[in-house]
């Protein structure tokens, strides 16, 4: 088992991350443009992954988009912008977010704090804390950390679903030639009542909807 360097954000940085994601979604949806992070906070120069999740606040709160990466290939500010645009596009859930939906979206951002390449996923996986990324046979798939909490999945089911998302056998995570990476992250989200951005504790469920 090997771990990458840990990245941790303050509440102020997390709140700005959500604001940047919201600005990026609105710029893309309204104008088809890529938002520029501008003068970034110091934390946003860290090279770490980020995920942006968009949920409707109407009805049962269905998922409208979820995208991102756990890798360290880009600066955090740019990773947030890229994830927000992809989450709002048709690439994520099949249909693009429309301008009329913007006022009824809840934006959540998961900032990857560390990653673990594991040889024993079932032992190392902690539900509600870890997301899962699976690589094998030239295919890749990942799943958001809170999905098993929201959907009452066991660790084995979570791993199997990540494998199926990668178009691999449901038991591929047990095979030696499959690489399983666990990633942890800090989650910050907009409040549905329009109040200040809130930090979500590990294990606390976001509004339910599967990916």
C-alpha atoms as a PDB file:
ATOM      1  CA  UNK A   1       0.000   0.000   0.000  1.00  0.00           C
ATOM      2  CA  UNK A   2       1.441   3.391  -0.969  1.00  0.00           C
ATOM      3  CA  UNK A   3       0.119   6.876  -0.206  1.00  0.00           C
ATOM      4  CA  UNK A   4       0.477  10.220  -1.966  1.00  0.00           C
ATOM      5  CA  UNK A   5       1.167  13.539  -0.220  1.00  0.00           C
ATOM      6  CA  UNK A   6      -1.777  14.867   1.792  1.00  0.00           C
ATOM      7  CA  UNK A   7      -3.518  18.117   0.781  1.00  0.00           C
ATOM      8  CA  UNK A   8      -5.848  19.862   3.250  1.00  0.00           C
ATOM      9  CA  UNK A   9      -7.917  23.012   2.667  1.00  0.00           C
ATOM     10  CA  UNK A  10      -9.136  25.550   5.199  1.00  0.00           C
ATOM     11  CA  UNK A  11     -12.855  26.311   5.359  1.00  0.00           C
ATOM     12  CA  UNK A  12     -12.255  29.594   3.530  1.00  0.00           C
ATOM     13  CA  UNK A  13     -10.437  27.780   0.721  1.00  0.00           C
ATOM     14  CA  UNK A  14     -13.207  25.173   0.540  1.00  0.00           C
ATOM     15  CA  UNK A  15     -15.872  27.865   0.315  1.00  0.00           C
ATOM     16  CA  UNK A  16     -13.969  29.521  -2.514  1.00  0.00           C
ATOM     17  CA  UNK A  17     -13.668  26.144  -4.270  1.00  0.00           C
ATOM     18  CA  UNK A  18     -17.468  25.844  -4.296  1.00  0.00           C
ATOM     19  CA  UNK A  19     -17.825  29.419  -5.547  1.00  0.00           C
ATOM     20  CA  UNK A  20     -15.352  28.733  -8.352  1.00  0.00           C
ATOM     21  CA  UNK A  21     -17.247  25.578  -9.335  1.00  0.00           C
ATOM     22  CA  UNK A  22     -20.533  27.506  -9.377  1.00  0.00           C
ATOM     23  CA  UNK A  23     -19.009  30.309 -11.475  1.00  0.00           C
ATOM     24  CA  UNK A  24     -17.566  27.752 -13.895  1.00  0.00           C
ATOM     25  CA  UNK A  25     -20.893  25.959 -14.321  1.00  0.00           C
ATOM     26  CA  UNK A  26     -22.772  29.205 -14.928  1.00  0.00           C
ATOM     27  CA  UNK A  27     -20.164  30.547 -17.389  1.00  0.00           C
ATOM     28  CA  UNK A  28     -20.295  27.300 -19.361  1.00  0.00           C
ATOM     29  CA  UNK A  29     -24.088  26.926 -19.309  1.00  0.00           C
ATOM     30  CA  UNK A  30     -24.928  30.577 -20.054  1.00  0.00           C
ATOM     31  CA  UNK A  31     -22.123  31.484 -22.448  1.00  0.00           C
ATOM     32  CA  UNK A  32     -20.352  28.264 -23.466  1.00  0.00           C
ATOM     33  CA  UNK A  33     -17.150  29.682 -22.007  1.00  0.00           C
ATOM     34  CA  UNK A  34     -14.449  28.299 -19.747  1.00  0.00           C
ATOM     35  CA  UNK A  35     -14.132  30.266 -16.512  1.00  0.00           C
ATOM     36  CA  UNK A  36     -10.566  31.271 -15.634  1.00  0.00           C
ATOM     37  CA  UNK A  37      -9.553  30.806 -11.975  1.00  0.00           C
ATOM     38  CA  UNK A  38      -7.957  34.257 -12.022  1.00  0.00           C
ATOM     39  CA  UNK A  39      -5.769  35.185  -9.066  1.00  0.00           C
ATOM     40  CA  UNK A  40      -5.932  31.935  -7.149  1.00  0.00           C
ATOM     41  CA  UNK A  41      -5.670  31.346  -3.414  1.00  0.00           C
ATOM     42  CA  UNK A  42      -2.366  29.724  -2.428  1.00  0.00           C
ATOM     43  CA  UNK A  43      -4.030  26.354  -1.803  1.00  0.00           C
ATOM     44  CA  UNK A  44      -5.284  26.236  -5.388  1.00  0.00           C
ATOM     45  CA  UNK A  45      -1.734  25.880  -6.700  1.00  0.00           C
ATOM     46  CA  UNK A  46      -1.499  22.421  -5.124  1.00  0.00           C
ATOM     47  CA  UNK A  47      -1.448  19.655  -7.692  1.00  0.00           C
ATOM     48  CA  UNK A  48      -4.276  17.404  -6.618  1.00  0.00           C
ATOM     49  CA  UNK A  49      -7.555  16.061  -7.956  1.00  0.00           C
ATOM     50  CA  UNK A  50     -11.057  17.439  -7.535  1.00  0.00           C
ATOM     51  CA  UNK A  51     -14.616  16.332  -8.233  1.00  0.00           C
ATOM     52  CA  UNK A  52     -17.670  18.525  -8.784  1.00  0.00           C
ATOM     53  CA  UNK A  53     -21.127  17.165  -8.190  1.00  0.00           C
ATOM     54  CA  UNK A  54     -24.359  18.865  -9.304  1.00  0.00           C
ATOM     55  CA  UNK A  55     -27.721  17.886  -7.861  1.00  0.00           C
ATOM     56  CA  UNK A  56     -31.157  19.287  -8.478  1.00  0.00           C
ATOM     57  CA  UNK A  57     -32.915  20.664  -5.412  1.00  0.00           C
ATOM     58  CA  UNK A  58     -36.274  19.903  -7.016  1.00  0.00           C
ATOM     59  CA  UNK A  59     -38.248  16.797  -6.152  1.00  0.00           C
ATOM     60  CA  UNK A  60     -36.048  13.911  -5.015  1.00  0.00           C
ATOM     61  CA  UNK A  61     -32.844  15.749  -5.854  1.00  0.00           C
ATOM     62  CA  UNK A  62     -31.620  13.763  -8.839  1.00  0.00           C
ATOM     63  CA  UNK A  63     -28.005  13.855  -9.909  1.00  0.00           C
ATOM     64  CA  UNK A  64     -27.379  16.251 -12.798  1.00  0.00           C
ATOM     65  CA  UNK A  65     -23.672  15.709 -13.161  1.00  0.00           C
ATOM     66  CA  UNK A  66     -20.529  14.444 -11.477  1.00  0.00           C
ATOM     67  CA  UNK A  67     -17.043  14.668 -12.939  1.00  0.00           C
ATOM     68  CA  UNK A  68     -13.415  15.074 -11.963  1.00  0.00           C
ATOM     69  CA  UNK A  69     -10.169  13.255 -11.374  1.00  0.00           C
ATOM     70  CA  UNK A  70      -8.203  11.993  -8.406  1.00  0.00           C
ATOM     71  CA  UNK A  71      -4.830  12.503 -10.127  1.00  0.00           C
ATOM     72  CA  UNK A  72      -2.250  15.201  -9.385  1.00  0.00           C
ATOM     73  CA  UNK A  73      -1.734  16.221 -13.011  1.00  0.00           C
ATOM     74  CA  UNK A  74      -3.072  19.798 -12.742  1.00  0.00           C
ATOM     75  CA  UNK A  75      -3.259  22.670 -10.281  1.00  0.00           C
ATOM     76  CA  UNK A  76      -6.332  22.487  -8.076  1.00  0.00           C
ATOM     77  CA  UNK A  77      -7.905  25.694  -9.395  1.00  0.00           C
ATOM     78  CA  UNK A  78      -7.854  24.432 -12.959  1.00  0.00           C
ATOM     79  CA  UNK A  79      -8.976  20.935 -11.881  1.00  0.00           C
ATOM     80  CA  UNK A  80     -12.098  22.453 -10.279  1.00  0.00           C
ATOM     81  CA  UNK A  81     -12.958  24.439 -13.417  1.00  0.00           C
ATOM     82  CA  UNK A  82     -12.488  21.409 -15.676  1.00  0.00           C
ATOM     83  CA  UNK A  83     -14.570  19.159 -13.402  1.00  0.00           C
ATOM     84  CA  UNK A  84     -17.387  21.715 -13.168  1.00  0.00           C
ATOM     85  CA  UNK A  85     -17.628  22.084 -16.945  1.00  0.00           C
ATOM     86  CA  UNK A  86     -17.635  18.354 -17.529  1.00  0.00           C
ATOM     87  CA  UNK A  87     -20.251  17.813 -14.807  1.00  0.00           C
ATOM     88  CA  UNK A  88     -22.537  20.356 -16.496  1.00  0.00           C
ATOM     89  CA  UNK A  89     -22.023  18.886 -19.953  1.00  0.00           C
ATOM     90  CA  UNK A  90     -23.870  15.999 -21.546  1.00  0.00           C
ATOM     91  CA  UNK A  91     -20.787  13.809 -21.053  1.00  0.00           C
ATOM     92  CA  UNK A  92     -21.678  13.259 -17.399  1.00  0.00           C
ATOM     93  CA  UNK A  93     -25.348  12.283 -17.147  1.00  0.00           C
ATOM     94  CA  UNK A  94     -26.423  12.302 -20.776  1.00  0.00           C
ATOM     95  CA  UNK A  95     -28.018  15.756 -20.936  1.00  0.00           C
ATOM     96  CA  UNK A  96     -26.447  19.171 -20.463  1.00  0.00           C
ATOM     97  CA  UNK A  97     -27.523  21.374 -17.578  1.00  0.00           C
ATOM     98  CA  UNK A  98     -29.753  24.137 -18.948  1.00  0.00           C
ATOM     99  CA  UNK A  99     -29.880  27.827 -17.913  1.00  0.00           C
ATOM    100  CA  UNK A 100     -33.282  27.369 -16.260  1.00  0.00           C
ATOM    101  CA  UNK A 101     -31.783  24.732 -13.928  1.00  0.00           C
ATOM    102  CA  UNK A 102     -29.033  26.913 -12.493  1.00  0.00           C
ATOM    103  CA  UNK A 103     -31.114  28.355  -9.658  1.00  0.00           C
ATOM    104  CA  UNK A 104     -32.161  24.879  -8.542  1.00  0.00           C
ATOM    105  CA  UNK A 105     -28.714  23.264  -8.506  1.00  0.00           C
ATOM    106  CA  UNK A 106     -26.737  22.386  -5.410  1.00  0.00           C
ATOM    107  CA  UNK A 107     -22.991  22.414  -6.097  1.00  0.00           C
ATOM    108  CA  UNK A 108     -20.657  20.145  -4.120  1.00  0.00           C
ATOM    109  CA  UNK A 109     -16.881  19.953  -4.465  1.00  0.00           C
ATOM    110  CA  UNK A 110     -14.669  17.097  -3.290  1.00  0.00           C
ATOM    111  CA  UNK A 111     -11.003  18.079  -2.960  1.00  0.00           C
ATOM    112  CA  UNK A 112      -8.779  15.006  -3.033  1.00  0.00           C
ATOM    113  CA  UNK A 113      -6.668  15.060   0.126  1.00  0.00           C
ATOM    114  CA  UNK A 114      -4.728  11.844  -0.467  1.00  0.00           C
ATOM    115  CA  UNK A 115      -4.689   8.667  -2.516  1.00  0.00           C
ATOM    116  CA  UNK A 116      -3.791   5.097  -1.614  1.00  0.00           C
ATOM    117  CA  UNK A 117      -2.755   2.406  -4.062  1.00  0.00           C
ATOM    118  CA  UNK A 118      -3.917  -0.733  -2.293  1.00  0.00           C
ATOM    119  CA  UNK A 119      -3.167  -4.433  -2.592  1.00  0.00           C
ATOM    120  CA  UNK A 120      -6.076  -5.289  -0.263  1.00  0.00           C
ATOM    121  CA  UNK A 121      -9.069  -3.111  -1.220  1.00  0.00           C
ATOM    122  CA  UNK A 122     -11.577  -4.903   0.956  1.00  0.00           C
ATOM    123  CA  UNK A 123      -9.414  -4.431   4.044  1.00  0.00           C
ATOM    124  CA  UNK A 124      -8.358  -0.837   3.348  1.00  0.00           C
ATOM    125  CA  UNK A 125     -11.648   0.585   2.033  1.00  0.00           C
ATOM    126  CA  UNK A 126     -13.607   2.718   4.524  1.00  0.00           C
ATOM    127  CA  UNK A 127     -17.145   3.443   3.387  1.00  0.00           C
ATOM    128  CA  UNK A 128     -18.081   7.109   3.349  1.00  0.00           C
ATOM    129  CA  UNK A 129     -14.431   8.119   3.392  1.00  0.00           C
ATOM    130  CA  UNK A 130     -12.899   6.546   0.300  1.00  0.00           C
ATOM    131  CA  UNK A 131     -13.776   6.836  -3.346  1.00  0.00           C
ATOM    132  CA  UNK A 132     -12.605   4.031  -5.629  1.00  0.00           C
ATOM    133  CA  UNK A 133     -10.743   4.124  -8.936  1.00  0.00           C
ATOM    134  CA  UNK A 134     -10.132   0.914 -10.884  1.00  0.00           C
ATOM    135  CA  UNK A 135      -7.681   0.379 -13.751  1.00  0.00           C
ATOM    136  CA  UNK A 136      -7.350  -2.835 -15.731  1.00  0.00           C
ATOM    137  CA  UNK A 137      -7.174  -4.121 -19.304  1.00  0.00           C
ATOM    138  CA  UNK A 138      -6.648  -0.551 -20.488  1.00  0.00           C
ATOM    139  CA  UNK A 139      -9.942   0.557 -18.932  1.00  0.00           C
ATOM    140  CA  UNK A 140     -10.639   2.974 -16.109  1.00  0.00           C
ATOM    141  CA  UNK A 141     -13.570   3.767 -13.842  1.00  0.00           C
ATOM    142  CA  UNK A 142     -14.133   5.640 -10.601  1.00  0.00           C
ATOM    143  CA  UNK A 143     -16.931   6.234  -8.113  1.00  0.00           C
ATOM    144  CA  UNK A 144     -17.612   9.115  -5.724  1.00  0.00           C
ATOM    145  CA  UNK A 145     -16.830   8.491  -2.015  1.00  0.00           C
ATOM    146  CA  UNK A 146     -20.358   8.900  -0.677  1.00  0.00           C
ATOM    147  CA  UNK A 147     -22.242   6.666  -3.083  1.00  0.00           C
ATOM    148  CA  UNK A 148     -22.110   3.553  -0.854  1.00  0.00           C
ATOM    149  CA  UNK A 149     -23.478   5.522   2.113  1.00  0.00           C
ATOM    150  CA  UNK A 150     -26.308   6.952   0.049  1.00  0.00           C
ATOM    151  CA  UNK A 151     -27.200   3.606  -1.522  1.00  0.00           C
ATOM    152  CA  UNK A 152     -26.455   1.237   1.383  1.00  0.00           C
ATOM    153  CA  UNK A 153     -23.748  -0.704  -0.472  1.00  0.00           C
ATOM    154  CA  UNK A 154     -21.307  -3.058   1.205  1.00  0.00           C
ATOM    155  CA  UNK A 155     -17.556  -2.590   0.538  1.00  0.00           C
ATOM    156  CA  UNK A 156     -17.590  -5.542  -1.888  1.00  0.00           C
ATOM    157  CA  UNK A 157     -20.582  -4.132  -3.784  1.00  0.00           C
ATOM    158  CA  UNK A 158     -18.938  -0.720  -4.026  1.00  0.00           C
ATOM    159  CA  UNK A 159     -15.785  -2.284  -5.496  1.00  0.00           C
ATOM    160  CA  UNK A 160     -17.850  -4.406  -7.882  1.00  0.00           C
ATOM    161  CA  UNK A 161     -19.803  -1.402  -9.133  1.00  0.00           C
ATOM    162  CA  UNK A 162     -16.587   0.521  -9.728  1.00  0.00           C
ATOM    163  CA  UNK A 163     -15.350  -2.418 -11.810  1.00  0.00           C
ATOM    164  CA  UNK A 164     -18.561  -2.513 -13.821  1.00  0.00           C
ATOM    165  CA  UNK A 165     -18.281   1.221 -14.441  1.00  0.00           C
ATOM    166  CA  UNK A 166     -14.836   0.498 -15.901  1.00  0.00           C
ATOM    167  CA  UNK A 167     -16.478  -2.210 -18.045  1.00  0.00           C
ATOM    168  CA  UNK A 168     -14.561  -4.918 -16.209  1.00  0.00           C
ATOM    169  CA  UNK A 169     -15.751  -8.079 -14.503  1.00  0.00           C
ATOM    170  CA  UNK A 170     -17.498  -7.326 -11.172  1.00  0.00           C
ATOM    171  CA  UNK A 171     -14.781  -9.332  -9.419  1.00  0.00           C
ATOM    172  CA  UNK A 172     -11.871  -7.707 -11.262  1.00  0.00           C
ATOM    173  CA  UNK A 173     -10.862  -5.882  -8.076  1.00  0.00           C
ATOM    174  CA  UNK A 174      -9.770  -9.252  -6.675  1.00  0.00           C
ATOM    175  CA  UNK A 175      -7.339  -9.901  -9.541  1.00  0.00           C
ATOM    176  CA  UNK A 176      -3.623  -9.176  -9.261  1.00  0.00           C
ATOM    177  CA  UNK A 177      -3.417  -7.322 -12.575  1.00  0.00           C
ATOM    178  CA  UNK A 178      -6.165  -4.831 -11.604  1.00  0.00           C
ATOM    179  CA  UNK A 179      -4.970  -1.622  -9.962  1.00  0.00           C
ATOM    180  CA  UNK A 180      -7.270  -0.253  -7.250  1.00  0.00           C
ATOM    181  CA  UNK A 181      -6.730   3.265  -5.917  1.00  0.00           C
ATOM    182  CA  UNK A 182      -8.627   4.625  -2.920  1.00  0.00           C
ATOM    183  CA  UNK A 183      -8.963   8.392  -2.656  1.00  0.00           C
ATOM    184  CA  UNK A 184     -10.070  10.526   0.268  1.00  0.00           C
ATOM    185  CA  UNK A 185     -11.336  14.063   0.029  1.00  0.00           C
ATOM    186  CA  UNK A 186     -12.751  17.074   1.788  1.00  0.00           C
ATOM    187  CA  UNK A 187     -16.293  17.857   0.682  1.00  0.00           C
ATOM    188  CA  UNK A 188     -17.767  21.350   0.663  1.00  0.00           C
ATOM    189  CA  UNK A 189     -21.256  22.144  -0.612  1.00  0.00           C
ATOM    190  CA  UNK A 190     -23.819  24.861  -1.039  1.00  0.00           C
ATOM    191  CA  UNK A 191     -26.690  24.861   1.437  1.00  0.00           C
ATOM    192  CA  UNK A 192     -30.110  24.406  -0.101  1.00  0.00           C
ATOM    193  CA  UNK A 193     -31.410  27.346   1.966  1.00  0.00           C
ATOM    194  CA  UNK A 194     -28.891  29.668   0.355  1.00  0.00           C
ATOM    195  CA  UNK A 195     -26.772  30.023   3.490  1.00  0.00           C
ATOM    196  CA  UNK A 196     -23.011  29.843   3.772  1.00  0.00           C
ATOM    197  CA  UNK A 197     -21.111  26.983   2.183  1.00  0.00           C
ATOM    198  CA  UNK A 198     -20.755  24.058   4.581  1.00  0.00           C
ATOM    199  CA  UNK A 199     -18.051  21.453   5.077  1.00  0.00           C
ATOM    200  CA  UNK A 200     -19.378  17.887   5.103  1.00  0.00           C
ATOM    201  CA  UNK A 201     -17.864  15.540   7.666  1.00  0.00           C
ATOM    202  CA  UNK A 202     -16.549  12.172   6.488  1.00  0.00           C
ATOM    203  CA  UNK A 203     -19.328   9.617   6.553  1.00  0.00           C
ATOM    204  CA  UNK A 204     -22.125  12.199   6.415  1.00  0.00           C
ATOM    205  CA  UNK A 205     -24.406  11.591   3.455  1.00  0.00           C
ATOM    206  CA  UNK A 206     -24.970  14.133   0.707  1.00  0.00           C
ATOM    207  CA  UNK A 207     -28.505  14.375  -0.616  1.00  0.00           C
ATOM    208  CA  UNK A 208     -29.174  10.943  -2.021  1.00  0.00           C
ATOM    209  CA  UNK A 209     -28.837  10.080  -5.672  1.00  0.00           C
ATOM    210  CA  UNK A 210     -26.765   7.409  -7.339  1.00  0.00           C
ATOM    211  CA  UNK A 211     -24.307   8.062 -10.096  1.00  0.00           C
END
